[in-house]
Structure formats: C-alpha cells, structure tokens
C-alpha cells in the first residue's frame, strides 16, 4: 500500500513539473510569434492597385485605385484589422479581389450586405470588418455604397 502511495506521489510530481516546464516555454515563444504577425501586417506598401469584380464572365476590372488618400485609407483599414489565423475555404468565390503590395486580398460581401469578409490568400488570415470600415473600404474599391 505504501508503495502505491509513493508511486502516485512520484508520478504526480513528475507530471506537475512537466506542465510547468511547458507553460514557461509557451510564454517565451508566444511574444516572438505575435511580433512576427504584427511585422507582416505593417509591411503593406502604399501603391496603386486594381480591383476585379466576379461576374458571369469571370473576373472583370471594376476600378483602379490611384488616389493617394484612398490608398492610404485602404492600407490603414487592412493594417488595423483584427486578423485571425484561420485556414478554410469560403462557400463561393470572392465577390472582389485585388493585390496590394505582395498580398492577394479576396473580399466577400456578407449575406445581409452590411459587412465585408476578407481573406489574405496564401496567408491563412481572415477578418470580418466592422460595418463602418466595411462601408469605407467598399466605397473605395467599387465606387458604390455598401
């Protein structure tokens, strides 16, 4: 009986020690990953870009965004978005798409037509923009009201 008690205590101490070791290592790794993600989000260069709209004939040119204020606003919205690391496939092809710097953005209008969902293709990043930012970005990329 004493052997079993000693065995349980030894196993308990061992497991507790391993758990504490993992927690310490996780806290050391996490800031590095966060810094890397932030660096990626802040590296968008402000440059003109072309927006394509999905139609029956495939993607067609919708608008060329060349005005400096519109470009700066687009970059600001994208950089300040709360991106989630989420891989997945949307149910339909994107309504709009454009390339800004080296990132390919795919954009869907939500079913209620009040917000935009954006994926950075090849980066597994997803965001559902708030209504106000969606309205501003939609007007910039299409020239129309959301």
N, C-alpha and C. Protein backbone atom coordinates (compact mmCIF):
# COMPACT_ATOMS: atom_id res chain seq x y z
N UNK A 1 0.82 -1.18 0.00
CA UNK A 1 0.00 0.00 0.00
C UNK A 1 0.87 1.25 0.00
N UNK A 2 1.94 1.24 0.80
CA UNK A 2 2.84 2.39 0.86
C UNK A 2 3.56 2.57 -0.49
N UNK A 3 3.82 1.47 -1.18
CA UNK A 3 4.49 1.55 -2.48
C UNK A 3 3.60 2.29 -3.48
N UNK A 4 2.31 1.95 -3.49
CA UNK A 4 1.39 2.60 -4.42
C UNK A 4 1.26 4.09 -4.13
N UNK A 5 1.21 4.43 -2.84
CA UNK A 5 1.11 5.82 -2.46
C UNK A 5 2.37 6.57 -2.91
N UNK A 6 3.53 5.98 -2.70
CA UNK A 6 4.79 6.59 -3.12
C UNK A 6 4.84 6.71 -4.65
N UNK A 7 4.35 5.71 -5.35
CA UNK A 7 4.32 5.73 -6.81
C UNK A 7 3.40 6.86 -7.32
N UNK A 8 2.20 7.02 -6.75
CA UNK A 8 1.29 8.08 -7.15
C UNK A 8 1.87 9.47 -6.88
N UNK A 9 2.53 9.63 -5.76
CA UNK A 9 3.15 10.91 -5.43
C UNK A 9 4.26 11.23 -6.42
N UNK A 10 5.08 10.26 -6.75
CA UNK A 10 6.18 10.45 -7.70
C UNK A 10 5.64 10.83 -9.08
N UNK A 11 4.62 10.13 -9.54
CA UNK A 11 4.03 10.43 -10.85
C UNK A 11 3.41 11.82 -10.84
N UNK A 12 2.73 12.17 -9.76
CA UNK A 12 2.12 13.49 -9.64
C UNK A 12 3.16 14.60 -9.71
N UNK A 13 4.27 14.45 -9.01
CA UNK A 13 5.35 15.45 -9.04
C UNK A 13 5.94 15.55 -10.44
N UNK A 14 6.15 14.43 -11.09
CA UNK A 14 6.71 14.42 -12.43
C UNK A 14 5.79 15.15 -13.41
N UNK A 15 4.49 14.84 -13.36
CA UNK A 15 3.55 15.49 -14.28
C UNK A 15 3.43 16.98 -14.01
N UNK A 16 3.43 17.38 -12.77
CA UNK A 16 3.36 18.80 -12.44
C UNK A 16 4.59 19.53 -12.95
N UNK A 17 5.74 18.93 -12.79
CA UNK A 17 6.98 19.54 -13.28
C UNK A 17 6.98 19.71 -14.79
N UNK A 18 6.48 18.71 -15.52
CA UNK A 18 6.42 18.80 -16.99
C UNK A 18 5.45 19.89 -17.42
N UNK A 19 4.32 20.00 -16.75
CA UNK A 19 3.34 21.02 -17.09
C UNK A 19 3.90 22.41 -16.88
N UNK A 20 4.59 22.64 -15.79
CA UNK A 20 5.19 23.94 -15.52
C UNK A 20 6.25 24.27 -16.56
N UNK A 21 7.04 23.27 -16.98
CA UNK A 21 8.06 23.48 -17.99
C UNK A 21 7.43 23.92 -19.30
N UNK A 22 6.31 23.28 -19.71
CA UNK A 22 5.62 23.64 -20.95
C UNK A 22 5.07 25.06 -20.86
N UNK A 23 4.50 25.44 -19.72
CA UNK A 23 3.96 26.78 -19.57
C UNK A 23 5.05 27.83 -19.69
N UNK A 24 6.21 27.58 -19.12
CA UNK A 24 7.32 28.53 -19.21
C UNK A 24 7.77 28.68 -20.66
N UNK A 25 7.89 27.58 -21.37
CA UNK A 25 8.33 27.64 -22.77
C UNK A 25 7.30 28.31 -23.66
N UNK A 26 5.99 28.09 -23.42
CA UNK A 26 4.96 28.74 -24.21
C UNK A 26 5.03 30.25 -24.06
N UNK A 27 5.24 30.73 -22.85
CA UNK A 27 5.30 32.18 -22.63
C UNK A 27 6.53 32.79 -23.29
N UNK A 28 7.58 32.04 -23.45
CA UNK A 28 8.76 32.55 -24.14
C UNK A 28 8.56 32.59 -25.65
N UNK A 29 7.79 31.65 -26.19
CA UNK A 29 7.59 31.57 -27.63
C UNK A 29 6.53 32.53 -28.12
N UNK A 30 5.45 32.70 -27.41
CA UNK A 30 4.31 33.49 -27.86
C UNK A 30 4.66 34.92 -28.27
N UNK A 31 5.44 35.71 -27.50
CA UNK A 31 5.73 37.07 -27.94
C UNK A 31 6.45 37.12 -29.28
N UNK A 32 7.30 36.17 -29.55
CA UNK A 32 8.01 36.14 -30.82
C UNK A 32 7.02 35.96 -31.97
N UNK A 33 6.05 35.05 -31.80
CA UNK A 33 5.07 34.83 -32.85
C UNK A 33 4.20 36.06 -33.05
N UNK A 34 3.79 36.70 -31.98
CA UNK A 34 2.98 37.90 -32.07
C UNK A 34 3.73 39.00 -32.80
N UNK A 35 4.98 39.18 -32.49
CA UNK A 35 5.80 40.20 -33.13
C UNK A 35 5.91 39.92 -34.63
N UNK A 36 6.07 38.65 -35.00
CA UNK A 36 6.16 38.30 -36.41
C UNK A 36 4.87 38.65 -37.14
N UNK A 37 3.72 38.33 -36.55
CA UNK A 37 2.44 38.64 -37.19
C UNK A 37 2.28 40.14 -37.34
N UNK A 38 2.61 40.91 -36.30
CA UNK A 38 2.49 42.36 -36.39
C UNK A 38 3.40 42.92 -37.47
N UNK A 39 4.59 42.38 -37.60
CA UNK A 39 5.52 42.87 -38.62
C UNK A 39 4.95 42.62 -40.01
N UNK A 40 4.28 41.47 -40.22
CA UNK A 40 3.68 41.20 -41.52
C UNK A 40 2.55 42.18 -41.82
N UNK A 41 1.76 42.51 -40.83
CA UNK A 41 0.64 43.40 -41.06
C UNK A 41 1.10 44.81 -41.36
N UNK A 42 2.23 45.23 -40.84
CA UNK A 42 2.69 46.59 -41.02
C UNK A 42 3.55 46.79 -42.25
N UNK A 43 3.73 45.74 -43.04
CA UNK A 43 4.64 45.85 -44.17
C UNK A 43 3.94 46.15 -45.49
N UNK A 44 2.68 46.55 -45.45
CA UNK A 44 1.95 46.87 -46.69
C UNK A 44 2.43 48.21 -47.22
N UNK A 45 2.86 48.23 -48.46
CA UNK A 45 3.30 49.48 -49.08
C UNK A 45 2.12 50.16 -49.75
N UNK A 46 2.07 51.46 -49.63
CA UNK A 46 1.00 52.22 -50.27
C UNK A 46 1.34 52.38 -51.75
N UNK A 47 0.57 51.71 -52.58
CA UNK A 47 0.77 51.77 -54.02
C UNK A 47 -0.56 51.58 -54.72
N UNK A 48 -0.72 52.11 -55.93
CA UNK A 48 -1.98 51.93 -56.66
C UNK A 48 -2.27 50.45 -56.88
N UNK A 49 -3.56 50.12 -56.94
CA UNK A 49 -3.95 48.73 -57.17
C UNK A 49 -5.23 48.67 -57.98
N UNK A 50 -5.47 47.51 -58.58
CA UNK A 50 -6.62 47.29 -59.45
C UNK A 50 -7.57 46.31 -58.76
N UNK A 51 -8.85 46.65 -58.75
CA UNK A 51 -9.88 45.81 -58.15
C UNK A 51 -10.63 45.08 -59.25
N UNK A 52 -10.82 43.78 -59.06
CA UNK A 52 -11.58 42.97 -60.01
C UNK A 52 -12.86 42.49 -59.34
N UNK A 53 -13.94 42.46 -60.13
CA UNK A 53 -15.24 42.00 -59.63
C UNK A 53 -15.59 40.68 -60.29
N UNK A 54 -16.16 39.77 -59.52
CA UNK A 54 -16.59 38.48 -60.04
C UNK A 54 -17.90 38.65 -60.82
N UNK A 55 -17.93 38.14 -62.03
CA UNK A 55 -19.13 38.21 -62.86
C UNK A 55 -19.32 36.87 -63.57
N UNK A 56 -20.35 36.79 -64.40
CA UNK A 56 -20.62 35.56 -65.16
C UNK A 56 -19.46 35.22 -66.10
N UNK A 57 -18.73 36.22 -66.52
CA UNK A 57 -17.63 36.03 -67.46
C UNK A 57 -16.28 35.88 -66.76
N UNK A 58 -16.30 35.70 -65.46
CA UNK A 58 -15.06 35.63 -64.70
C UNK A 58 -14.79 36.97 -64.04
N UNK A 59 -13.57 37.21 -63.67
CA UNK A 59 -13.23 38.47 -63.01
C UNK A 59 -12.99 39.56 -64.04
N UNK A 60 -13.67 40.68 -63.83
CA UNK A 60 -13.59 41.83 -64.72
C UNK A 60 -13.06 43.02 -63.94
N UNK A 61 -12.35 43.90 -64.61
CA UNK A 61 -11.85 45.12 -63.98
C UNK A 61 -13.01 45.94 -63.45
N UNK A 62 -12.97 46.29 -62.16
CA UNK A 62 -14.01 47.10 -61.54
C UNK A 62 -13.54 48.54 -61.37
N UNK A 63 -12.33 48.69 -60.82
CA UNK A 63 -11.83 50.03 -60.54
C UNK A 63 -10.32 50.00 -60.34
N UNK A 64 -9.67 51.07 -60.75
CA UNK A 64 -8.26 51.27 -60.45
C UNK A 64 -8.18 52.31 -59.34
N UNK A 65 -7.60 51.92 -58.22
CA UNK A 65 -7.48 52.82 -57.07
C UNK A 65 -6.11 53.48 -57.16
N UNK A 66 -6.10 54.78 -57.50
CA UNK A 66 -4.85 55.50 -57.71
C UNK A 66 -4.73 56.75 -56.84
N UNK A 67 -5.83 57.17 -56.22
CA UNK A 67 -5.82 58.38 -55.39
C UNK A 67 -5.10 58.07 -54.07
N UNK A 68 -4.12 58.89 -53.73
CA UNK A 68 -3.27 58.64 -52.57
C UNK A 68 -4.06 58.48 -51.27
N UNK A 69 -5.08 59.32 -51.06
CA UNK A 69 -5.88 59.24 -49.83
C UNK A 69 -6.65 57.91 -49.75
N UNK A 70 -7.19 57.45 -50.87
CA UNK A 70 -7.91 56.18 -50.89
C UNK A 70 -6.96 55.01 -50.63
N UNK A 71 -5.78 55.07 -51.21
CA UNK A 71 -4.79 54.02 -50.99
C UNK A 71 -4.38 53.99 -49.52
N UNK A 72 -4.10 55.16 -48.95
CA UNK A 72 -3.69 55.25 -47.55
C UNK A 72 -4.79 54.74 -46.63
N UNK A 73 -6.04 55.07 -46.91
CA UNK A 73 -7.17 54.60 -46.10
C UNK A 73 -7.31 53.09 -46.19
N UNK A 74 -7.16 52.55 -47.38
CA UNK A 74 -7.24 51.10 -47.57
C UNK A 74 -6.15 50.40 -46.77
N UNK A 75 -4.93 50.89 -46.86
CA UNK A 75 -3.81 50.30 -46.13
C UNK A 75 -4.07 50.39 -44.62
N UNK A 76 -4.56 51.53 -44.17
CA UNK A 76 -4.84 51.71 -42.73
C UNK A 76 -5.90 50.72 -42.25
N UNK A 77 -6.96 50.55 -43.01
CA UNK A 77 -8.01 49.59 -42.64
C UNK A 77 -7.46 48.18 -42.56
N UNK A 78 -6.68 47.80 -43.57
CA UNK A 78 -6.14 46.44 -43.61
C UNK A 78 -5.11 46.20 -42.51
N UNK A 79 -4.27 47.19 -42.23
CA UNK A 79 -3.26 47.03 -41.19
C UNK A 79 -3.87 46.97 -39.79
N UNK A 80 -4.95 47.72 -39.57
CA UNK A 80 -5.56 47.78 -38.25
C UNK A 80 -6.64 46.73 -38.02
N UNK A 81 -6.91 45.93 -39.02
CA UNK A 81 -7.93 44.89 -38.89
C UNK A 81 -7.48 43.83 -37.88
N UNK A 82 -8.43 43.22 -37.21
CA UNK A 82 -8.14 42.15 -36.25
C UNK A 82 -8.11 40.81 -36.98
N UNK A 83 -7.00 40.54 -37.63
CA UNK A 83 -6.86 39.34 -38.44
C UNK A 83 -6.82 38.11 -37.54
N UNK A 84 -7.49 37.06 -37.98
CA UNK A 84 -7.47 35.77 -37.31
C UNK A 84 -6.65 34.81 -38.16
N UNK A 85 -5.88 33.96 -37.52
CA UNK A 85 -5.20 32.90 -38.25
C UNK A 85 -6.21 31.78 -38.42
N UNK A 86 -6.77 31.71 -39.59
CA UNK A 86 -7.84 30.75 -39.83
C UNK A 86 -7.77 30.27 -41.27
N UNK A 87 -7.51 29.01 -41.42
CA UNK A 87 -7.50 28.43 -42.76
C UNK A 87 -8.89 27.87 -43.05
N UNK A 88 -9.29 27.97 -44.26
CA UNK A 88 -10.59 27.45 -44.62
C UNK A 88 -10.96 27.90 -46.02
N UNK A 89 -12.04 27.36 -46.50
CA UNK A 89 -12.49 27.69 -47.84
C UNK A 89 -13.89 28.29 -47.72
N UNK A 90 -14.10 29.40 -48.37
CA UNK A 90 -15.41 30.03 -48.36
C UNK A 90 -16.33 29.27 -49.31
N UNK A 91 -17.63 29.42 -49.11
CA UNK A 91 -18.62 28.67 -49.89
C UNK A 91 -18.68 29.09 -51.35
N UNK A 92 -18.29 30.31 -51.65
CA UNK A 92 -18.35 30.81 -53.03
C UNK A 92 -17.08 31.57 -53.35
N UNK A 93 -16.82 31.81 -54.63
CA UNK A 93 -15.65 32.60 -54.99
C UNK A 93 -15.81 34.04 -54.48
N UNK A 94 -14.71 34.74 -54.29
CA UNK A 94 -14.82 36.11 -53.78
C UNK A 94 -15.58 37.03 -54.74
N UNK A 95 -16.31 37.98 -54.13
CA UNK A 95 -17.03 38.97 -54.93
C UNK A 95 -16.05 39.95 -55.59
N UNK A 96 -14.97 40.27 -54.85
CA UNK A 96 -13.96 41.20 -55.34
C UNK A 96 -12.59 40.68 -54.94
N UNK A 97 -11.59 41.11 -55.68
CA UNK A 97 -10.23 40.76 -55.31
C UNK A 97 -9.28 41.83 -55.82
N UNK A 98 -8.18 41.97 -55.09
CA UNK A 98 -7.13 42.88 -55.52
C UNK A 98 -5.82 42.48 -54.87
N UNK A 99 -4.74 42.98 -55.45
CA UNK A 99 -3.41 42.74 -54.91
C UNK A 99 -2.84 44.08 -54.48
N UNK A 100 -2.40 44.12 -53.24
CA UNK A 100 -1.78 45.32 -52.70
C UNK A 100 -0.45 44.90 -52.11
N UNK A 101 0.61 45.49 -52.64
CA UNK A 101 1.97 45.07 -52.30
C UNK A 101 2.10 43.61 -52.73
N UNK A 102 2.46 42.71 -51.86
CA UNK A 102 2.60 41.31 -52.27
C UNK A 102 1.46 40.45 -51.73
N UNK A 103 0.41 41.07 -51.20
CA UNK A 103 -0.70 40.33 -50.62
C UNK A 103 -1.89 40.32 -51.58
N UNK A 104 -2.50 39.14 -51.73
CA UNK A 104 -3.70 38.99 -52.56
C UNK A 104 -4.91 38.94 -51.64
N UNK A 105 -5.80 39.93 -51.78
CA UNK A 105 -6.98 40.02 -50.93
C UNK A 105 -8.20 39.53 -51.69
N UNK A 106 -8.96 38.64 -51.05
CA UNK A 106 -10.24 38.17 -51.59
C UNK A 106 -11.33 38.71 -50.67
N UNK A 107 -12.38 39.31 -51.25
CA UNK A 107 -13.39 40.01 -50.46
C UNK A 107 -14.78 39.49 -50.80
N UNK A 108 -15.54 39.21 -49.75
CA UNK A 108 -16.93 38.80 -49.87
C UNK A 108 -17.81 39.82 -49.15
N UNK A 109 -18.97 40.11 -49.72
CA UNK A 109 -19.98 40.92 -49.03
C UNK A 109 -20.85 39.92 -48.26
N UNK A 110 -21.09 40.19 -46.98
CA UNK A 110 -21.89 39.28 -46.16
C UNK A 110 -23.31 39.18 -46.70
N UNK A 111 -24.04 38.12 -46.37
CA UNK A 111 -25.41 37.93 -46.88
C UNK A 111 -26.35 39.11 -46.59
N UNK A 112 -26.18 39.79 -45.47
CA UNK A 112 -27.02 40.94 -45.17
C UNK A 112 -26.55 42.20 -45.88
N UNK A 113 -25.40 42.14 -46.53
CA UNK A 113 -24.89 43.27 -47.31
C UNK A 113 -24.40 44.43 -46.48
N UNK A 114 -24.02 44.17 -45.24
CA UNK A 114 -23.61 45.27 -44.37
C UNK A 114 -22.14 45.21 -43.95
N UNK A 115 -21.46 44.11 -44.24
CA UNK A 115 -20.06 43.98 -43.83
C UNK A 115 -19.27 43.23 -44.90
N UNK A 116 -17.94 43.37 -44.79
CA UNK A 116 -17.05 42.67 -45.71
C UNK A 116 -16.26 41.61 -44.95
N UNK A 117 -16.09 40.47 -45.58
CA UNK A 117 -15.21 39.43 -45.08
C UNK A 117 -14.01 39.37 -46.02
N UNK A 118 -12.83 39.35 -45.46
CA UNK A 118 -11.62 39.41 -46.28
C UNK A 118 -10.68 38.27 -45.88
N UNK A 119 -10.07 37.69 -46.89
CA UNK A 119 -9.04 36.67 -46.68
C UNK A 119 -7.79 37.13 -47.41
N UNK A 120 -6.65 36.98 -46.77
CA UNK A 120 -5.38 37.17 -47.47
C UNK A 120 -5.02 35.80 -48.01
N UNK A 121 -5.09 35.64 -49.31
CA UNK A 121 -4.86 34.34 -49.92
C UNK A 121 -3.41 33.91 -49.73
N UNK A 122 -3.25 32.65 -49.36
CA UNK A 122 -1.93 32.09 -49.13
C UNK A 122 -1.35 32.41 -47.76
N UNK A 123 -2.06 33.17 -46.95
CA UNK A 123 -1.56 33.56 -45.62
C UNK A 123 -2.42 32.98 -44.50
N UNK A 124 -3.54 32.36 -44.80
CA UNK A 124 -4.48 31.83 -43.81
C UNK A 124 -4.93 32.91 -42.83
N UNK A 125 -5.19 34.09 -43.32
CA UNK A 125 -5.65 35.20 -42.49
C UNK A 125 -7.06 35.57 -42.92
N UNK A 126 -7.92 35.82 -41.92
CA UNK A 126 -9.33 36.12 -42.15
C UNK A 126 -9.76 37.26 -41.24
N UNK A 127 -10.64 38.13 -41.75
CA UNK A 127 -11.22 39.17 -40.92
C UNK A 127 -12.62 39.49 -41.43
N UNK A 128 -13.51 39.78 -40.49
CA UNK A 128 -14.84 40.30 -40.82
C UNK A 128 -14.84 41.73 -40.30
N UNK A 129 -14.77 42.68 -41.22
CA UNK A 129 -14.64 44.08 -40.83
C UNK A 129 -15.91 44.60 -40.17
N UNK A 130 -15.76 45.54 -39.24
CA UNK A 130 -16.94 46.22 -38.68
C UNK A 130 -17.68 46.98 -39.78
N UNK A 131 -18.93 47.32 -39.53
CA UNK A 131 -19.78 47.97 -40.54
C UNK A 131 -19.19 49.26 -41.09
N UNK A 132 -18.70 50.13 -40.22
CA UNK A 132 -18.17 51.42 -40.68
C UNK A 132 -16.97 51.24 -41.60
N UNK A 133 -16.04 50.39 -41.20
CA UNK A 133 -14.86 50.15 -42.04
C UNK A 133 -15.24 49.46 -43.34
N UNK A 134 -16.24 48.57 -43.27
CA UNK A 134 -16.71 47.89 -44.47
C UNK A 134 -17.27 48.89 -45.48
N UNK A 135 -18.06 49.85 -44.99
CA UNK A 135 -18.64 50.86 -45.87
C UNK A 135 -17.56 51.70 -46.54
N UNK A 136 -16.57 52.11 -45.78
CA UNK A 136 -15.49 52.95 -46.33
C UNK A 136 -14.69 52.16 -47.37
N UNK A 137 -14.28 50.94 -47.02
CA UNK A 137 -13.48 50.14 -47.94
C UNK A 137 -14.28 49.79 -49.20
N UNK A 138 -15.54 49.44 -49.04
CA UNK A 138 -16.36 49.09 -50.20
C UNK A 138 -16.48 50.25 -51.17
N UNK A 139 -16.68 51.45 -50.63
CA UNK A 139 -16.78 52.63 -51.48
C UNK A 139 -15.46 52.89 -52.22
N UNK A 140 -14.34 52.66 -51.55
CA UNK A 140 -13.03 52.86 -52.18
C UNK A 140 -12.83 51.86 -53.31
N UNK A 141 -13.13 50.59 -53.06
CA UNK A 141 -12.81 49.56 -54.07
C UNK A 141 -13.83 49.44 -55.19
N UNK A 142 -15.06 49.97 -54.97
CA UNK A 142 -16.08 49.83 -56.02
C UNK A 142 -16.60 51.17 -56.53
N UNK A 143 -16.48 52.22 -55.71
CA UNK A 143 -17.06 53.50 -56.08
C UNK A 143 -18.56 53.55 -55.79
N UNK A 144 -19.08 52.55 -55.08
CA UNK A 144 -20.51 52.44 -54.77
C UNK A 144 -20.71 52.36 -53.27
N UNK A 145 -21.96 52.57 -52.84
CA UNK A 145 -22.32 52.42 -51.43
C UNK A 145 -22.58 50.96 -51.12
N UNK A 146 -22.24 50.55 -49.91
CA UNK A 146 -22.48 49.17 -49.48
C UNK A 146 -23.94 48.98 -49.13
